[in-house]
């Protein structure tokens, strides 16, 4: 905490909660990042939202190279000054969502990124050839990432992430591990690439189907499919087809990824 406050005072800075700026101040959190990433000397690491470089310098001591991405130009100045002694750190002053996703190929992503970009950032990562992603998320968002069918947190986010990656919920991160202190606790999540359980030709169409069906999450599947078709094509299922709908009496939020795919095939 003293180091963070000294840096903020030195550069006449303060964190903005509206920008999701929360700096890690607890050594345990840095230790967890190093431990659960299995960092090796030949690894290339991408850190999103490098901030004041608190984690960055420890990554640089363990990895072959660290690509530190920071969109706040004032913080970029801090990184350039404070980390100049490290020859294996590349600082990129850009918005990660605007960079080519190839930056993740062959890397380990280890960071505490701004929570406001959690969803688009995660999906950008898991569609690449990354090695591992170890990041902190707001606790409620993290619960949705690994939620299972039938649970309150289960939804299209769960399905989308679990199609592309294995999700591990590692640690609860107390809110006091950051400065300024966020309103809720966080969680440390590790994502590893996985072989999709089935191949989808048109992924955008399938996940759009999932998105719309989850807007009727508490309805039985038979009713939800009719509402889906009314919304998308102004057609109802033929009566003779109603009796053949897979999982027709189950609720939408009870369906597994495989069952969603079977329903999608049933319609298409």
Protein backbone atom coordinates (compact mmCIF):
# COMPACT_ATOMS: atom_id res chain seq x y z
CA UNK A 1 0.00 0.00 0.00
CA UNK A 2 2.83 2.41 0.89
CA UNK A 3 4.47 1.83 -2.50
CA UNK A 4 1.23 2.54 -4.35
CA UNK A 5 0.54 5.70 -2.37
CA UNK A 6 4.09 6.95 -2.94
CA UNK A 7 3.80 6.43 -6.69
CA UNK A 8 0.41 8.16 -6.85
CA UNK A 9 1.82 11.09 -4.88
CA UNK A 10 5.03 11.21 -6.93
CA UNK A 11 3.12 11.49 -10.22
CA UNK A 12 0.20 13.48 -8.79
CA UNK A 13 -2.28 10.74 -9.72
CA UNK A 14 -5.36 9.15 -8.27
CA UNK A 15 -7.36 6.10 -9.27
CA UNK A 16 -10.76 6.53 -10.88
CA UNK A 17 -13.39 3.97 -9.90
CA UNK A 18 -15.42 4.95 -12.96
CA UNK A 19 -12.53 3.64 -15.09
CA UNK A 20 -12.38 0.41 -13.02
CA UNK A 21 -8.94 1.46 -11.79
CA UNK A 22 -8.10 -0.62 -8.73
CA UNK A 23 -4.41 -1.22 -8.02
CA UNK A 24 -3.27 -4.47 -6.40
CA UNK A 25 -1.71 -3.73 -3.01
CA UNK A 26 -1.64 -7.18 -1.37
CA UNK A 27 1.53 -9.30 -1.90
CA UNK A 28 -0.57 -12.49 -1.64
CA UNK A 29 -2.37 -11.59 -4.86
CA UNK A 30 0.91 -11.20 -6.74
CA UNK A 31 2.08 -14.50 -5.27
CA UNK A 32 -1.10 -16.22 -6.47
CA UNK A 33 -0.57 -14.90 -10.00
CA UNK A 34 2.95 -16.30 -10.08
CA UNK A 35 1.98 -19.61 -8.48
CA UNK A 36 -1.16 -20.47 -10.45
CA UNK A 37 0.27 -19.40 -13.82
CA UNK A 38 3.16 -21.85 -13.55
CA UNK A 39 5.36 -19.12 -15.00
CA UNK A 40 8.56 -20.34 -16.66
CA UNK A 41 11.66 -18.53 -17.88
CA UNK A 42 10.74 -19.01 -21.56
CA UNK A 43 7.15 -17.72 -21.22
CA UNK A 44 5.84 -14.59 -22.92
CA UNK A 45 3.26 -12.82 -20.77
CA UNK A 46 0.55 -10.33 -21.69
CA UNK A 47 -0.63 -8.09 -18.87
CA UNK A 48 -3.75 -6.02 -19.49
CA UNK A 49 -4.13 -2.84 -17.47
CA UNK A 50 -0.57 -2.77 -16.12
CA UNK A 51 -1.42 0.30 -14.02
CA UNK A 52 1.53 1.30 -11.82
CA UNK A 53 3.54 -1.81 -12.66
CA UNK A 54 3.06 -3.48 -9.28
CA UNK A 55 2.56 -6.92 -10.84
CA UNK A 56 4.52 -6.19 -14.02
CA UNK A 57 7.97 -6.12 -12.44
CA UNK A 58 7.44 -9.48 -10.73
CA UNK A 59 6.31 -11.02 -14.02
CA UNK A 60 9.43 -9.61 -15.69
CA UNK A 61 11.64 -11.33 -13.13
CA UNK A 62 10.11 -14.71 -13.99
CA UNK A 63 9.28 -14.56 -17.70
CA UNK A 64 11.20 -14.20 -20.94
CA UNK A 65 9.13 -11.17 -21.94
CA UNK A 66 6.21 -9.14 -20.61
CA UNK A 67 3.92 -7.20 -22.91
CA UNK A 68 2.35 -4.58 -20.64
CA UNK A 69 -0.76 -2.97 -22.11
CA UNK A 70 -2.11 0.24 -20.59
CA UNK A 71 -4.57 2.69 -22.15
CA UNK A 72 -4.24 5.49 -19.57
CA UNK A 73 -1.48 7.76 -20.87
CA UNK A 74 -0.63 9.05 -17.39
CA UNK A 75 -0.04 5.52 -16.18
CA UNK A 76 1.99 4.75 -19.29
CA UNK A 77 4.40 7.50 -18.21
CA UNK A 78 4.72 5.89 -14.79
CA UNK A 79 5.44 2.48 -16.35
CA UNK A 80 8.03 3.91 -18.72
CA UNK A 81 9.86 5.65 -15.87
CA UNK A 82 9.58 3.05 -13.12
CA UNK A 83 10.22 -0.04 -15.24
CA UNK A 84 13.00 1.30 -17.45
CA UNK A 85 15.56 -0.99 -15.77
CA UNK A 86 13.77 -4.07 -17.13
CA UNK A 87 14.89 -4.89 -20.67
CA UNK A 88 12.26 -7.59 -21.17
CA UNK A 89 9.17 -5.37 -20.74
CA UNK A 90 7.40 -3.95 -23.78
CA UNK A 91 4.86 -1.25 -22.95
CA UNK A 92 2.00 -0.79 -25.40
CA UNK A 93 -0.07 2.38 -24.80
CA UNK A 94 -3.31 1.13 -26.36
CA UNK A 95 -6.83 -0.07 -25.62
CA UNK A 96 -6.58 -3.87 -25.58
CA UNK A 97 -9.98 -4.22 -27.25
CA UNK A 98 -8.65 -2.32 -30.27
CA UNK A 99 -5.49 -4.39 -30.68
CA UNK A 100 -5.25 -7.40 -33.00
CA UNK A 101 -6.16 -10.53 -31.04
CA UNK A 102 -3.04 -12.26 -32.41
CA UNK A 103 -1.17 -10.56 -29.55
CA UNK A 104 -2.43 -13.40 -27.32
CA UNK A 105 -1.19 -16.26 -29.52
CA UNK A 106 1.38 -18.39 -27.70
CA UNK A 107 1.26 -16.28 -24.52
CA UNK A 108 0.11 -16.48 -20.93
CA UNK A 109 -2.29 -13.70 -20.00
CA UNK A 110 -1.73 -12.72 -16.35
CA UNK A 111 -3.38 -9.58 -15.06
CA UNK A 112 -5.95 -7.68 -13.05
CA UNK A 113 -7.76 -5.98 -15.94
CA UNK A 114 -10.47 -3.30 -15.66
CA UNK A 115 -13.67 -5.11 -14.75
CA UNK A 116 -15.77 -3.07 -17.16
CA UNK A 117 -14.18 -4.95 -20.09
CA UNK A 118 -14.38 -8.42 -18.51
CA UNK A 119 -16.79 -9.93 -21.04
CA UNK A 120 -15.40 -8.63 -24.37
CA UNK A 121 -11.82 -9.17 -23.20
CA UNK A 122 -12.45 -12.77 -22.12
CA UNK A 123 -14.12 -13.71 -25.39
CA UNK A 124 -11.35 -12.03 -27.35
CA UNK A 125 -8.77 -14.13 -25.49
CA UNK A 126 -10.45 -17.54 -25.61
CA UNK A 127 -10.88 -17.45 -29.39
CA UNK A 128 -7.09 -17.25 -29.88
CA UNK A 129 -4.16 -19.66 -29.52
CA UNK A 130 -3.30 -18.52 -26.00
CA UNK A 131 -1.63 -20.90 -23.53
CA UNK A 132 -3.33 -19.84 -20.30
CA UNK A 133 -5.33 -16.93 -18.90
CA UNK A 134 -5.13 -16.03 -15.21
CA UNK A 135 -7.12 -12.94 -14.36
CA UNK A 136 -9.16 -11.39 -11.58
CA UNK A 137 -12.88 -10.76 -12.08
CA UNK A 138 -15.68 -9.38 -9.97
CA UNK A 139 -16.93 -12.29 -7.88
CA UNK A 140 -20.44 -12.28 -9.36
CA UNK A 141 -19.12 -12.26 -12.92
CA UNK A 142 -16.72 -15.10 -12.07
CA UNK A 143 -19.63 -17.16 -10.72
CA UNK A 144 -21.38 -16.82 -14.06
CA UNK A 145 -18.27 -18.00 -15.90
CA UNK A 146 -18.23 -21.46 -14.29
CA UNK A 147 -21.96 -21.81 -13.47
CA UNK A 148 -23.64 -25.13 -14.25
CA UNK A 149 -27.11 -25.85 -15.71
CA UNK A 150 -29.96 -25.19 -13.29
CA UNK A 151 -28.13 -22.62 -11.17
CA UNK A 152 -29.18 -19.00 -10.79
CA UNK A 153 -25.90 -17.73 -12.28
CA UNK A 154 -26.09 -19.99 -15.34
CA UNK A 155 -26.64 -18.22 -18.64
CA UNK A 156 -25.36 -17.54 -22.13
CA UNK A 157 -22.08 -16.19 -20.75
CA UNK A 158 -21.48 -19.55 -19.04
CA UNK A 159 -22.20 -21.44 -22.25
CA UNK A 160 -20.07 -19.20 -24.44
CA UNK A 161 -16.99 -19.36 -22.24
CA UNK A 162 -17.28 -23.07 -21.46
CA UNK A 163 -17.51 -23.92 -25.16
CA UNK A 164 -14.03 -22.48 -25.73
CA UNK A 165 -12.26 -23.00 -22.39
CA UNK A 166 -11.93 -24.98 -19.19
CA UNK A 167 -12.80 -22.67 -16.29
CA UNK A 168 -11.19 -22.97 -12.84
CA UNK A 169 -12.32 -20.87 -9.88
CA UNK A 170 -9.11 -20.60 -7.82
CA UNK A 171 -9.40 -17.98 -5.08
CA UNK A 172 -11.70 -15.39 -3.61
CA UNK A 173 -9.87 -12.05 -3.61
CA UNK A 174 -10.96 -9.84 -0.68
CA UNK A 175 -11.83 -6.32 -1.78
CA UNK A 176 -9.16 -4.96 0.57
CA UNK A 177 -6.47 -6.42 -1.72
CA UNK A 178 -7.02 -3.43 -4.05
CA UNK A 179 -6.75 0.35 -3.78
CA UNK A 180 -9.13 2.06 -3.97
CA UNK A 181 -11.24 -0.66 -2.39
CA UNK A 182 -13.95 -1.90 -4.82
CA UNK A 183 -17.52 -2.41 -3.67
CA UNK A 184 -17.43 -6.21 -3.90
CA UNK A 185 -14.91 -9.03 -3.60
CA UNK A 186 -13.20 -10.48 -6.65
CA UNK A 187 -12.15 -13.96 -7.76
CA UNK A 188 -9.09 -15.37 -9.46
CA UNK A 189 -10.03 -17.40 -12.53
CA UNK A 190 -7.81 -19.61 -14.67
CA UNK A 191 -8.86 -20.39 -18.23
CA UNK A 192 -7.24 -23.10 -20.33
CA UNK A 193 -8.00 -23.82 -23.99
CA UNK A 194 -10.11 -26.91 -24.60
CA UNK A 195 -11.25 -28.87 -27.61
CA UNK A 196 -14.89 -27.85 -28.20
CA UNK A 197 -17.32 -30.69 -27.45
CA UNK A 198 -18.73 -30.38 -30.97
CA UNK A 199 -18.00 -28.33 -34.07
CA UNK A 200 -20.39 -25.51 -34.91
CA UNK A 201 -20.31 -24.32 -38.52
CA UNK A 202 -21.91 -20.94 -37.82
CA UNK A 203 -20.92 -20.02 -34.27
CA UNK A 204 -22.46 -16.55 -34.46
CA UNK A 205 -25.83 -18.00 -35.41
CA UNK A 206 -25.70 -20.68 -32.71
CA UNK A 207 -24.81 -18.28 -29.90
CA UNK A 208 -27.41 -15.82 -31.13
CA UNK A 209 -29.91 -18.67 -30.77
CA UNK A 210 -28.64 -19.25 -27.21
CA UNK A 211 -28.88 -15.53 -26.42
CA UNK A 212 -32.48 -15.25 -27.54
CA UNK A 213 -33.56 -18.51 -25.90
CA UNK A 214 -32.09 -17.35 -22.59
CA UNK A 215 -34.33 -14.29 -22.74
CA UNK A 216 -37.02 -16.89 -21.92
CA UNK A 217 -34.82 -18.66 -19.36
CA UNK A 218 -37.61 -19.72 -16.97
CA UNK A 219 -40.02 -21.00 -19.61
CA UNK A 220 -40.29 -24.62 -20.72
CA UNK A 221 -38.38 -25.35 -23.90
CA UNK A 222 -41.48 -26.03 -26.03
CA UNK A 223 -42.92 -22.60 -25.24
CA UNK A 224 -39.55 -20.87 -25.52
CA UNK A 225 -38.92 -22.28 -29.00
CA UNK A 226 -42.25 -20.98 -30.25
CA UNK A 227 -41.45 -17.55 -28.85
CA UNK A 228 -38.02 -17.74 -30.45
CA UNK A 229 -39.51 -18.49 -33.87
CA UNK A 230 -42.07 -15.71 -33.53
CA UNK A 231 -39.27 -13.28 -32.76
CA UNK A 232 -36.96 -14.46 -35.54
CA UNK A 233 -39.16 -15.71 -38.36
CA UNK A 234 -42.82 -15.03 -37.49
CA UNK A 235 -43.49 -18.77 -37.70
CA UNK A 236 -44.67 -21.25 -35.11
CA UNK A 237 -43.54 -24.82 -34.97
CA UNK A 238 -45.82 -27.20 -36.82
CA UNK A 239 -48.10 -29.04 -34.42
CA UNK A 240 -46.82 -32.44 -35.50
CA UNK A 241 -43.32 -31.29 -34.64
CA UNK A 242 -44.19 -30.15 -31.12
CA UNK A 243 -44.30 -33.70 -29.78
CA UNK A 244 -40.80 -34.34 -31.09
CA UNK A 245 -39.05 -31.36 -29.50
CA UNK A 246 -36.04 -32.58 -27.50
CA UNK A 247 -36.21 -31.66 -23.80
CA UNK A 248 -39.57 -29.96 -24.41
CA UNK A 249 -40.67 -30.04 -20.77
CA UNK A 250 -37.41 -28.76 -19.30
CA UNK A 251 -36.78 -25.13 -18.42
CA UNK A 252 -34.35 -23.23 -20.62
CA UNK A 253 -31.93 -22.57 -17.75
CA UNK A 254 -31.68 -26.33 -17.09
CA UNK A 255 -30.25 -27.17 -20.51
CA UNK A 256 -26.61 -28.10 -20.95
CA UNK A 257 -24.42 -26.86 -23.79
CA UNK A 258 -24.90 -30.18 -25.60
CA UNK A 259 -28.69 -29.95 -25.23
CA UNK A 260 -28.72 -26.41 -26.61
CA UNK A 261 -26.83 -27.70 -29.62
CA UNK A 262 -29.30 -30.54 -30.13
CA UNK A 263 -32.18 -28.04 -30.06
CA UNK A 264 -30.34 -25.83 -32.53
CA UNK A 265 -29.89 -28.80 -34.87
CA UNK A 266 -33.55 -29.70 -34.43
CA UNK A 267 -34.56 -26.28 -35.75
CA UNK A 268 -32.00 -26.01 -38.53
